[in-house]
């Protein structure tokens, strides 16, 4: 992903609601499944890491991106944004013009 594409996704993410929360249990199977389902439906999601979590937001973002084949868009404070393009072109949600 190029820097220009990432900047466009960051701008889009400003209006997104936080839908994924990572608590004291960290990144377990249930969090991975929830994130996978959300990425299939939306392509881009915003998450938040609770202060009781032993992992940093950057670590959580990295783990989720690695396990789900997603791209990290940004990490700011306790929030992070990840993106994964939907393979089915009919179900694509986000279109970025080059």
PDB file of N, CA and C in Angstrom:
ATOM      1  N   UNK A   1       0.842  -1.169   0.000  1.00  0.00           N
ATOM      2  CA  UNK A   1       0.000   0.000   0.000  1.00  0.00           C
ATOM      3  C   UNK A   1       0.894   1.241   0.000  1.00  0.00           C
ATOM      4  N   UNK A   2       0.576   2.179  -0.842  1.00  0.00           N
ATOM      5  CA  UNK A   2       1.384   3.395  -0.931  1.00  0.00           C
ATOM      6  C   UNK A   2       0.993   4.377   0.167  1.00  0.00           C
ATOM      7  N   UNK A   3       1.844   5.334   0.387  1.00  0.00           N
ATOM      8  CA  UNK A   3       1.573   6.352   1.394  1.00  0.00           C
ATOM      9  C   UNK A   3       0.349   7.186   1.045  1.00  0.00           C
ATOM     10  N   UNK A   4       0.159   7.423  -0.239  1.00  0.00           N
ATOM     11  CA  UNK A   4      -0.995   8.205  -0.683  1.00  0.00           C
ATOM     12  C   UNK A   4      -2.299   7.454  -0.404  1.00  0.00           C
ATOM     13  N   UNK A   5      -2.303   6.164  -0.667  1.00  0.00           N
ATOM     14  CA  UNK A   5      -3.489   5.348  -0.378  1.00  0.00           C
ATOM     15  C   UNK A   5      -3.766   5.319   1.124  1.00  0.00           C
ATOM     16  N   UNK A   6      -2.707   5.146   1.896  1.00  0.00           N
ATOM     17  CA  UNK A   6      -2.853   5.100   3.350  1.00  0.00           C
ATOM     18  C   UNK A   6      -3.435   6.419   3.876  1.00  0.00           C
ATOM     19  N   UNK A   7      -2.994   7.535   3.328  1.00  0.00           N
ATOM     20  CA  UNK A   7      -3.510   8.846   3.743  1.00  0.00           C
ATOM     21  C   UNK A   7      -5.004   8.968   3.442  1.00  0.00           C
ATOM     22  N   UNK A   8      -5.437   8.449   2.303  1.00  0.00           N
ATOM     23  CA  UNK A   8      -6.860   8.488   1.957  1.00  0.00           C
ATOM     24  C   UNK A   8      -7.672   7.631   2.916  1.00  0.00           C
ATOM     25  N   UNK A   9      -7.152   6.464   3.262  1.00  0.00           N
ATOM     26  CA  UNK A   9      -7.848   5.600   4.210  1.00  0.00           C
ATOM     27  C   UNK A   9      -7.896   6.234   5.602  1.00  0.00           C
ATOM     28  N   UNK A  10      -6.820   6.912   5.994  1.00  0.00           N
ATOM     29  CA  UNK A  10      -6.821   7.604   7.295  1.00  0.00           C
ATOM     30  C   UNK A  10      -7.904   8.672   7.326  1.00  0.00           C
ATOM     31  N   UNK A  11      -8.041   9.408   6.226  1.00  0.00           N
ATOM     32  CA  UNK A  11      -9.082  10.441   6.149  1.00  0.00           C
ATOM     33  C   UNK A  11     -10.478   9.816   6.250  1.00  0.00           C
ATOM     34  N   UNK A  12     -10.684   8.690   5.580  1.00  0.00           N
ATOM     35  CA  UNK A  12     -11.976   8.002   5.652  1.00  0.00           C
ATOM     36  C   UNK A  12     -12.258   7.487   7.062  1.00  0.00           C
ATOM     37  N   UNK A  13     -11.222   7.048   7.751  1.00  0.00           N
ATOM     38  CA  UNK A  13     -11.381   6.444   9.079  1.00  0.00           C
ATOM     39  C   UNK A  13     -11.847   7.444  10.125  1.00  0.00           C
ATOM     40  N   UNK A  14     -11.658   8.739   9.879  1.00  0.00           N
ATOM     41  CA  UNK A  14     -12.080   9.742  10.863  1.00  0.00           C
ATOM     42  C   UNK A  14     -13.561   9.652  11.174  1.00  0.00           C
ATOM     43  N   UNK A  15     -14.366   9.308  10.194  1.00  0.00           N
ATOM     44  CA  UNK A  15     -15.815   9.253  10.399  1.00  0.00           C
ATOM     45  C   UNK A  15     -16.291   7.883  10.889  1.00  0.00           C
ATOM     46  N   UNK A  16     -15.409   6.915  10.984  1.00  0.00           N
ATOM     47  CA  UNK A  16     -15.786   5.566  11.404  1.00  0.00           C
ATOM     48  C   UNK A  16     -15.959   5.494  12.919  1.00  0.00           C
ATOM     49  N   UNK A  17     -16.925   4.705  13.358  1.00  0.00           N
ATOM     50  CA  UNK A  17     -17.123   4.424  14.775  1.00  0.00           C
ATOM     51  C   UNK A  17     -16.202   3.275  15.189  1.00  0.00           C
ATOM     52  N   UNK A  18     -15.800   3.275  16.440  1.00  0.00           N
ATOM     53  CA  UNK A  18     -14.998   2.177  16.987  1.00  0.00           C
ATOM     54  C   UNK A  18     -15.915   0.979  17.203  1.00  0.00           C
ATOM     55  N   UNK A  19     -15.574  -0.156  16.563  1.00  0.00           N
ATOM     56  CA  UNK A  19     -16.438  -1.331  16.671  1.00  0.00           C
ATOM     57  C   UNK A  19     -15.743  -2.533  17.304  1.00  0.00           C
ATOM     58  N   UNK A  20     -14.432  -2.468  17.456  1.00  0.00           N
ATOM     59  CA  UNK A  20     -13.683  -3.602  18.006  1.00  0.00           C
ATOM     60  C   UNK A  20     -12.976  -3.149  19.279  1.00  0.00           C
ATOM     61  N   UNK A  21     -13.216  -3.861  20.366  1.00  0.00           N
ATOM     62  CA  UNK A  21     -12.596  -3.527  21.644  1.00  0.00           C
ATOM     63  C   UNK A  21     -11.753  -4.704  22.122  1.00  0.00           C
ATOM     64  N   UNK A  22     -10.520  -4.403  22.522  1.00  0.00           N
ATOM     65  CA  UNK A  22      -9.608  -5.428  23.025  1.00  0.00           C
ATOM     66  C   UNK A  22      -9.381  -5.140  24.501  1.00  0.00           C
ATOM     67  N   UNK A  23      -9.750  -6.091  25.351  1.00  0.00           N
ATOM     68  CA  UNK A  23      -9.666  -5.906  26.794  1.00  0.00           C
ATOM     69  C   UNK A  23      -8.492  -6.628  27.417  1.00  0.00           C
ATOM     70  N   UNK A  24      -8.654  -6.964  28.691  1.00  0.00           N
ATOM     71  CA  UNK A  24      -7.550  -7.557  29.457  1.00  0.00           C
ATOM     72  C   UNK A  24      -7.145  -8.940  28.963  1.00  0.00           C
ATOM     73  N   UNK A  25      -8.019  -9.634  28.246  1.00  0.00           N
ATOM     74  CA  UNK A  25      -7.684 -10.957  27.712  1.00  0.00           C
ATOM     75  C   UNK A  25      -6.812 -10.887  26.465  1.00  0.00           C
ATOM     76  N   UNK A  26      -6.607  -9.700  25.921  1.00  0.00           N
ATOM     77  CA  UNK A  26      -5.746  -9.533  24.755  1.00  0.00           C
ATOM     78  C   UNK A  26      -6.401 -10.001  23.473  1.00  0.00           C
ATOM     79  N   UNK A  27      -5.570 -10.436  22.537  1.00  0.00           N
ATOM     80  CA  UNK A  27      -6.051 -10.845  21.216  1.00  0.00           C
ATOM     81  C   UNK A  27      -6.263 -12.360  21.225  1.00  0.00           C
ATOM     82  N   UNK A  28      -7.468 -12.758  21.572  1.00  0.00           N
ATOM     83  CA  UNK A  28      -7.820 -14.173  21.576  1.00  0.00           C
ATOM     84  C   UNK A  28      -8.563 -14.551  20.313  1.00  0.00           C
ATOM     85  N   UNK A  29      -8.978 -15.813  20.255  1.00  0.00           N
ATOM     86  CA  UNK A  29      -9.693 -16.305  19.083  1.00  0.00           C
ATOM     87  C   UNK A  29     -10.974 -15.532  18.829  1.00  0.00           C
ATOM     88  N   UNK A  30     -11.674 -15.134  19.899  1.00  0.00           N
ATOM     89  CA  UNK A  30     -12.941 -14.428  19.718  1.00  0.00           C
ATOM     90  C   UNK A  30     -12.729 -13.033  19.126  1.00  0.00           C
ATOM     91  N   UNK A  31     -11.656 -12.356  19.518  1.00  0.00           N
ATOM     92  CA  UNK A  31     -11.345 -11.032  18.962  1.00  0.00           C
ATOM     93  C   UNK A  31     -10.955 -11.169  17.495  1.00  0.00           C
ATOM     94  N   UNK A  32     -10.166 -12.184  17.175  1.00  0.00           N
ATOM     95  CA  UNK A  32      -9.752 -12.414  15.788  1.00  0.00           C
ATOM     96  C   UNK A  32     -10.960 -12.719  14.915  1.00  0.00           C
ATOM     97  N   UNK A  33     -11.878 -13.554  15.399  1.00  0.00           N
ATOM     98  CA  UNK A  33     -13.084 -13.881  14.628  1.00  0.00           C
ATOM     99  C   UNK A  33     -13.955 -12.651  14.427  1.00  0.00           C
ATOM    100  N   UNK A  34     -14.127 -11.862  15.480  1.00  0.00           N
ATOM    101  CA  UNK A  34     -14.935 -10.645  15.382  1.00  0.00           C
ATOM    102  C   UNK A  34     -14.331  -9.666  14.372  1.00  0.00           C
ATOM    103  N   UNK A  35     -13.009  -9.505  14.414  1.00  0.00           N
ATOM    104  CA  UNK A  35     -12.332  -8.610  13.482  1.00  0.00           C
ATOM    105  C   UNK A  35     -12.445  -9.133  12.051  1.00  0.00           C
ATOM    106  N   UNK A  36     -12.317 -10.445  11.869  1.00  0.00           N
ATOM    107  CA  UNK A  36     -12.432 -11.040  10.540  1.00  0.00           C
ATOM    108  C   UNK A  36     -13.827 -10.822   9.957  1.00  0.00           C
ATOM    109  N   UNK A  37     -14.847 -11.053  10.774  1.00  0.00           N
ATOM    110  CA  UNK A  37     -16.222 -10.843  10.324  1.00  0.00           C
ATOM    111  C   UNK A  37     -16.462  -9.377   9.953  1.00  0.00           C
ATOM    112  N   UNK A  38     -15.946  -8.470  10.778  1.00  0.00           N
ATOM    113  CA  UNK A  38     -16.124  -7.042  10.524  1.00  0.00           C
ATOM    114  C   UNK A  38     -15.392  -6.609   9.253  1.00  0.00           C
ATOM    115  N   UNK A  39     -14.189  -7.138   9.027  1.00  0.00           N
ATOM    116  CA  UNK A  39     -13.449  -6.792   7.812  1.00  0.00           C
ATOM    117  C   UNK A  39     -14.149  -7.324   6.566  1.00  0.00           C
ATOM    118  N   UNK A  40     -14.762  -8.500   6.662  1.00  0.00           N
ATOM    119  CA  UNK A  40     -15.513  -9.042   5.529  1.00  0.00           C
ATOM    120  C   UNK A  40     -16.699  -8.151   5.189  1.00  0.00           C
ATOM    121  N   UNK A  41     -17.311  -7.566   6.198  1.00  0.00           N
ATOM    122  CA  UNK A  41     -18.485  -6.736   5.988  1.00  0.00           C
ATOM    123  C   UNK A  41     -18.142  -5.298   5.613  1.00  0.00           C
ATOM    124  N   UNK A  42     -17.027  -4.769   6.151  1.00  0.00           N
ATOM    125  CA  UNK A  42     -16.746  -3.339   6.012  1.00  0.00           C
ATOM    126  C   UNK A  42     -15.449  -2.982   5.309  1.00  0.00           C
ATOM    127  N   UNK A  43     -14.512  -3.878   5.217  1.00  0.00           N
ATOM    128  CA  UNK A  43     -13.170  -3.674   4.670  1.00  0.00           C
ATOM    129  C   UNK A  43     -12.237  -2.895   5.591  1.00  0.00           C
ATOM    130  N   UNK A  44     -12.749  -1.923   6.342  1.00  0.00           N
ATOM    131  CA  UNK A  44     -11.900  -1.144   7.236  1.00  0.00           C
ATOM    132  C   UNK A  44     -12.612  -1.017   8.582  1.00  0.00           C
ATOM    133  N   UNK A  45     -11.852  -1.247   9.666  1.00  0.00           N
ATOM    134  CA  UNK A  45     -12.442  -1.145  11.001  1.00  0.00           C
ATOM    135  C   UNK A  45     -11.535  -0.344  11.923  1.00  0.00           C
ATOM    136  N   UNK A  46     -12.170   0.252  12.908  1.00  0.00           N
ATOM    137  CA  UNK A  46     -11.447   0.991  13.941  1.00  0.00           C
ATOM    138  C   UNK A  46     -11.606   0.221  15.240  1.00  0.00           C
ATOM    139  N   UNK A  47     -10.500   0.059  15.954  1.00  0.00           N
ATOM    140  CA  UNK A  47     -10.526  -0.660  17.215  1.00  0.00           C
ATOM    141  C   UNK A  47      -9.910   0.153  18.331  1.00  0.00           C
ATOM    142  N   UNK A  48     -10.175  -0.279  19.555  1.00  0.00           N
ATOM    143  CA  UNK A  48      -9.634   0.394  20.726  1.00  0.00           C
ATOM    144  C   UNK A  48      -9.094  -0.649  21.697  1.00  0.00           C
ATOM    145  N   UNK A  49      -7.972  -0.347  22.296  1.00  0.00           N
ATOM    146  CA  UNK A  49      -7.345  -1.229  23.285  1.00  0.00           C
ATOM    147  C   UNK A  49      -7.604  -0.632  24.667  1.00  0.00           C
ATOM    148  N   UNK A  50      -8.241  -1.407  25.520  1.00  0.00           N
ATOM    149  CA  UNK A  50      -8.550  -0.948  26.875  1.00  0.00           C
ATOM    150  C   UNK A  50      -7.269  -0.873  27.691  1.00  0.00           C
ATOM    151  N   UNK A  51      -7.259   0.001  28.677  1.00  0.00           N
ATOM    152  CA  UNK A  51      -6.045   0.212  29.488  1.00  0.00           C
ATOM    153  C   UNK A  51      -5.639  -1.009  30.303  1.00  0.00           C
ATOM    154  N   UNK A  52      -6.562  -1.966  30.506  1.00  0.00           N
ATOM    155  CA  UNK A  52      -6.212  -3.174  31.260  1.00  0.00           C
ATOM    156  C   UNK A  52      -5.494  -4.213  30.410  1.00  0.00           C
ATOM    157  N   UNK A  53      -5.439  -4.004  29.121  1.00  0.00           N
ATOM    158  CA  UNK A  53      -4.760  -4.938  28.214  1.00  0.00           C
ATOM    159  C   UNK A  53      -3.252  -4.804  28.398  1.00  0.00           C
ATOM    160  N   UNK A  54      -2.565  -5.935  28.422  1.00  0.00           N
ATOM    161  CA  UNK A  54      -1.111  -5.928  28.611  1.00  0.00           C
ATOM    162  C   UNK A  54      -0.355  -5.554  27.334  1.00  0.00           C
ATOM    163  N   UNK A  55      -1.043  -5.603  26.187  1.00  0.00           N
ATOM    164  CA  UNK A  55      -0.421  -5.264  24.913  1.00  0.00           C
ATOM    165  C   UNK A  55      -0.648  -3.794  24.581  1.00  0.00           C
ATOM    166  N   UNK A  56       0.268  -3.211  23.837  1.00  0.00           N
ATOM    167  CA  UNK A  56       0.086  -1.843  23.370  1.00  0.00           C
ATOM    168  C   UNK A  56      -0.827  -1.857  22.145  1.00  0.00           C
ATOM    169  N   UNK A  57      -1.448  -0.730  21.817  1.00  0.00           N
ATOM    170  CA  UNK A  57      -2.277  -0.678  20.608  1.00  0.00           C
ATOM    171  C   UNK A  57      -1.501  -1.053  19.346  1.00  0.00           C
ATOM    172  N   UNK A  58      -0.241  -0.669  19.270  1.00  0.00           N
ATOM    173  CA  UNK A  58       0.578  -1.009  18.103  1.00  0.00           C
ATOM    174  C   UNK A  58       0.795  -2.520  18.012  1.00  0.00           C
ATOM    175  N   UNK A  59       1.000  -3.179  19.148  1.00  0.00           N
ATOM    176  CA  UNK A  59       1.170  -4.632  19.161  1.00  0.00           C
ATOM    177  C   UNK A  59      -0.127  -5.335  18.759  1.00  0.00           C
ATOM    178  N   UNK A  60      -1.262  -4.861  19.281  1.00  0.00           N
ATOM    179  CA  UNK A  60      -2.559  -5.450  18.936  1.00  0.00           C
ATOM    180  C   UNK A  60      -2.817  -5.304  17.441  1.00  0.00           C
ATOM    181  N   UNK A  61      -2.560  -4.117  16.912  1.00  0.00           N
ATOM    182  CA  UNK A  61      -2.747  -3.867  15.483  1.00  0.00           C
ATOM    183  C   UNK A  61      -1.862  -4.803  14.652  1.00  0.00           C
ATOM    184  N   UNK A  62      -0.620  -4.965  15.049  1.00  0.00           N
ATOM    185  CA  UNK A  62       0.306  -5.843  14.332  1.00  0.00           C
ATOM    186  C   UNK A  62      -0.133  -7.297  14.351  1.00  0.00           C
ATOM    187  N   UNK A  63      -0.590  -7.758  15.504  1.00  0.00           N
ATOM    188  CA  UNK A  63      -1.044  -9.149  15.622  1.00  0.00           C
ATOM    189  C   UNK A  63      -2.266  -9.390  14.739  1.00  0.00           C
ATOM    190  N   UNK A  64      -3.241  -8.480  14.813  1.00  0.00           N
ATOM    191  CA  UNK A  64      -4.452  -8.646  14.001  1.00  0.00           C
ATOM    192  C   UNK A  64      -4.131  -8.602  12.510  1.00  0.00           C
ATOM    193  N   UNK A  65      -3.279  -7.677  12.109  1.00  0.00           N
ATOM    194  CA  UNK A  65      -2.922  -7.577  10.692  1.00  0.00           C
ATOM    195  C   UNK A  65      -2.220  -8.846  10.211  1.00  0.00           C
ATOM    196  N   UNK A  66      -1.336  -9.383  11.024  1.00  0.00           N
ATOM    197  CA  UNK A  66      -0.615 -10.606  10.660  1.00  0.00           C
ATOM    198  C   UNK A  66      -1.568 -11.794  10.538  1.00  0.00           C
ATOM    199  N   UNK A  67      -2.459 -11.958  11.504  1.00  0.00           N
ATOM    200  CA  UNK A  67      -3.367 -13.110  11.503  1.00  0.00           C
ATOM    201  C   UNK A  67      -4.459 -13.012  10.442  1.00  0.00           C
ATOM    202  N   UNK A  68      -4.864 -11.784  10.092  1.00  0.00           N
ATOM    203  CA  UNK A  68      -5.988 -11.595   9.171  1.00  0.00           C
ATOM    204  C   UNK A  68      -5.567 -11.189   7.765  1.00  0.00           C
ATOM    205  N   UNK A  69      -4.285 -10.989   7.542  1.00  0.00           N
ATOM    206  CA  UNK A  69      -3.831 -10.559   6.223  1.00  0.00           C
ATOM    207  C   UNK A  69      -4.293  -9.156   5.896  1.00  0.00           C
ATOM    208  N   UNK A  70      -4.316  -8.298   6.910  1.00  0.00           N
ATOM    209  CA  UNK A  70      -4.796  -6.926   6.741  1.00  0.00           C
ATOM    210  C   UNK A  70      -3.625  -5.947   6.736  1.00  0.00           C
ATOM    211  N   UNK A  71      -3.931  -4.694   6.404  1.00  0.00           N
ATOM    212  CA  UNK A  71      -2.939  -3.624   6.389  1.00  0.00           C
ATOM    213  C   UNK A  71      -3.194  -2.674   7.549  1.00  0.00           C
ATOM    214  N   UNK A  72      -2.151  -2.304   8.300  1.00  0.00           N
ATOM    215  CA  UNK A  72      -2.349  -1.282   9.335  1.00  0.00           C
ATOM    216  C   UNK A  72      -2.467   0.089   8.670  1.00  0.00           C
ATOM    217  N   UNK A  73      -3.456   0.852   9.069  1.00  0.00           N
ATOM    218  CA  UNK A  73      -3.645   2.195   8.517  1.00  0.00           C
ATOM    219  C   UNK A  73      -3.069   3.234   9.470  1.00  0.00           C
ATOM    220  N   UNK A  74      -3.454   3.163  10.748  1.00  0.00           N
ATOM    221  CA  UNK A  74      -2.892   4.092  11.719  1.00  0.00           C
ATOM    222  C   UNK A  74      -3.108   3.583  13.136  1.00  0.00           C
ATOM    223  N   UNK A  75      -2.248   4.068  14.028  1.00  0.00           N
ATOM    224  CA  UNK A  75      -2.386   3.816  15.455  1.00  0.00           C
ATOM    225  C   UNK A  75      -2.193   5.167  16.136  1.00  0.00           C
ATOM    226  N   UNK A  76      -3.231   5.606  16.844  1.00  0.00           N
ATOM    227  CA  UNK A  76      -3.158   6.877  17.573  1.00  0.00           C
ATOM    228  C   UNK A  76      -3.702   6.641  18.973  1.00  0.00           C
ATOM    229  N   UNK A  77      -2.877   6.887  19.970  1.00  0.00           N
ATOM    230  CA  UNK A  77      -3.311   6.685  21.355  1.00  0.00           C
ATOM    231  C   UNK A  77      -3.702   5.240  21.593  1.00  0.00           C
ATOM    232  N   UNK A  78      -4.948   5.031  22.003  1.00  0.00           N
ATOM    233  CA  UNK A  78      -5.425   3.674  22.273  1.00  0.00           C
ATOM    234  C   UNK A  78      -6.212   3.100  21.103  1.00  0.00           C
ATOM    235  N   UNK A  79      -6.333   3.856  20.010  1.00  0.00           N
ATOM    236  CA  UNK A  79      -7.130   3.406  18.863  1.00  0.00           C
ATOM    237  C   UNK A  79      -6.241   3.021  17.679  1.00  0.00           C
ATOM    238  N   UNK A  80      -6.769   2.113  16.863  1.00  0.00           N
ATOM    239  CA  UNK A  80      -6.067   1.680  15.665  1.00  0.00           C
ATOM    240  C   UNK A  80      -7.079   1.439  14.551  1.00  0.00           C
ATOM    241  N   UNK A  81      -6.592   1.505  13.317  1.00  0.00           N
ATOM    242  CA  UNK A  81      -7.432   1.264  12.142  1.00  0.00           C
ATOM    243  C   UNK A  81      -6.712   0.258  11.257  1.00  0.00           C
ATOM    244  N   UNK A  82      -7.461  -0.771  10.800  1.00  0.00           N
ATOM    245  CA  UNK A  82      -6.891  -1.755   9.874  1.00  0.00           C
ATOM    246  C   UNK A  82      -7.807  -1.908   8.668  1.00  0.00           C
ATOM    247  N   UNK A  83      -7.206  -2.325   7.548  1.00  0.00           N
ATOM    248  CA  UNK A  83      -7.925  -2.446   6.282  1.00  0.00           C
ATOM    249  C   UNK A  83      -7.560  -3.767   5.614  1.00  0.00           C
ATOM    250  N   UNK A  84      -8.568  -4.403   5.039  1.00  0.00           N
ATOM    251  CA  UNK A  84      -8.345  -5.576   4.208  1.00  0.00           C
ATOM    252  C   UNK A  84      -9.353  -5.531   3.077  1.00  0.00           C
ATOM    253  N   UNK A  85      -8.848  -5.518   1.853  1.00  0.00           N
ATOM    254  CA  UNK A  85      -9.729  -5.452   0.692  1.00  0.00           C
ATOM    255  C   UNK A  85     -10.540  -6.726   0.577  1.00  0.00           C
ATOM    256  N   UNK A  86     -11.821  -6.578   0.309  1.00  0.00           N
ATOM    257  CA  UNK A  86     -12.704  -7.711   0.123  1.00  0.00           C
ATOM    258  C   UNK A  86     -12.386  -8.354  -1.220  1.00  0.00           C
ATOM    259  N   UNK A  87     -12.181  -9.647  -1.225  1.00  0.00           N
ATOM    260  CA  UNK A  87     -11.806 -10.360  -2.452  1.00  0.00           C
ATOM    261  C   UNK A  87     -12.943 -10.378  -3.474  1.00  0.00           C
ATOM    262  N   UNK A  88     -14.185 -10.388  -3.005  1.00  0.00           N
ATOM    263  CA  UNK A  88     -15.352 -10.413  -3.880  1.00  0.00           C
ATOM    264  C   UNK A  88     -15.650  -8.992  -4.351  1.00  0.00           C
ATOM    265  N   UNK A  89     -15.394  -8.693  -5.620  1.00  0.00           N
ATOM    266  CA  UNK A  89     -15.538  -7.332  -6.138  1.00  0.00           C
ATOM    267  C   UNK A  89     -16.968  -6.807  -6.008  1.00  0.00           C
ATOM    268  N   UNK A  90     -17.965  -7.694  -6.010  1.00  0.00           N
ATOM    269  CA  UNK A  90     -19.354  -7.255  -5.861  1.00  0.00           C
ATOM    270  C   UNK A  90     -19.644  -6.766  -4.447  1.00  0.00           C
ATOM    271  N   UNK A  91     -18.849  -7.201  -3.476  1.00  0.00           N
ATOM    272  CA  UNK A  91     -19.085  -6.830  -2.086  1.00  0.00           C
ATOM    273  C   UNK A  91     -18.111  -5.769  -1.598  1.00  0.00           C
ATOM    274  N   UNK A  92     -17.307  -5.196  -2.489  1.00  0.00           N
ATOM    275  CA  UNK A  92     -16.350  -4.178  -2.086  1.00  0.00           C
ATOM    276  C   UNK A  92     -17.073  -2.948  -1.561  1.00  0.00           C
ATOM    277  N   UNK A  93     -16.564  -2.395  -0.513  1.00  0.00           N
ATOM    278  CA  UNK A  93     -17.202  -1.252   0.144  1.00  0.00           C
ATOM    279  C   UNK A  93     -16.468   0.045  -0.178  1.00  0.00           C
ATOM    280  N   UNK A  94     -15.146   0.009  -0.137  1.00  0.00           N
ATOM    281  CA  UNK A  94     -14.341   1.232  -0.296  1.00  0.00           C
ATOM    282  C   UNK A  94     -13.680   1.217  -1.665  1.00  0.00           C
ATOM    283  N   UNK A  95     -13.807   2.316  -2.368  1.00  0.00           N
ATOM    284  CA  UNK A  95     -13.141   2.471  -3.662  1.00  0.00           C
ATOM    285  C   UNK A  95     -12.258   3.696  -3.597  1.00  0.00           C
ATOM    286  N   UNK A  96     -10.985   3.520  -3.828  1.00  0.00           N
ATOM    287  CA  UNK A  96     -10.026   4.625  -3.807  1.00  0.00           C
ATOM    288  C   UNK A  96      -9.571   4.875  -5.242  1.00  0.00           C
ATOM    289  N   UNK A  97      -9.763   6.111  -5.708  1.00  0.00           N
ATOM    290  CA  UNK A  97      -9.314   6.472  -7.051  1.00  0.00           C
ATOM    291  C   UNK A  97      -7.830   6.750  -7.019  1.00  0.00           C
ATOM    292  N   UNK A  98      -7.116   6.235  -8.009  1.00  0.00           N
ATOM    293  CA  UNK A  98      -5.683   6.490  -8.089  1.00  0.00           C
ATOM    294  C   UNK A  98      -5.422   7.840  -8.684  1.00  0.00           C
TER     295      UNK A  98
END
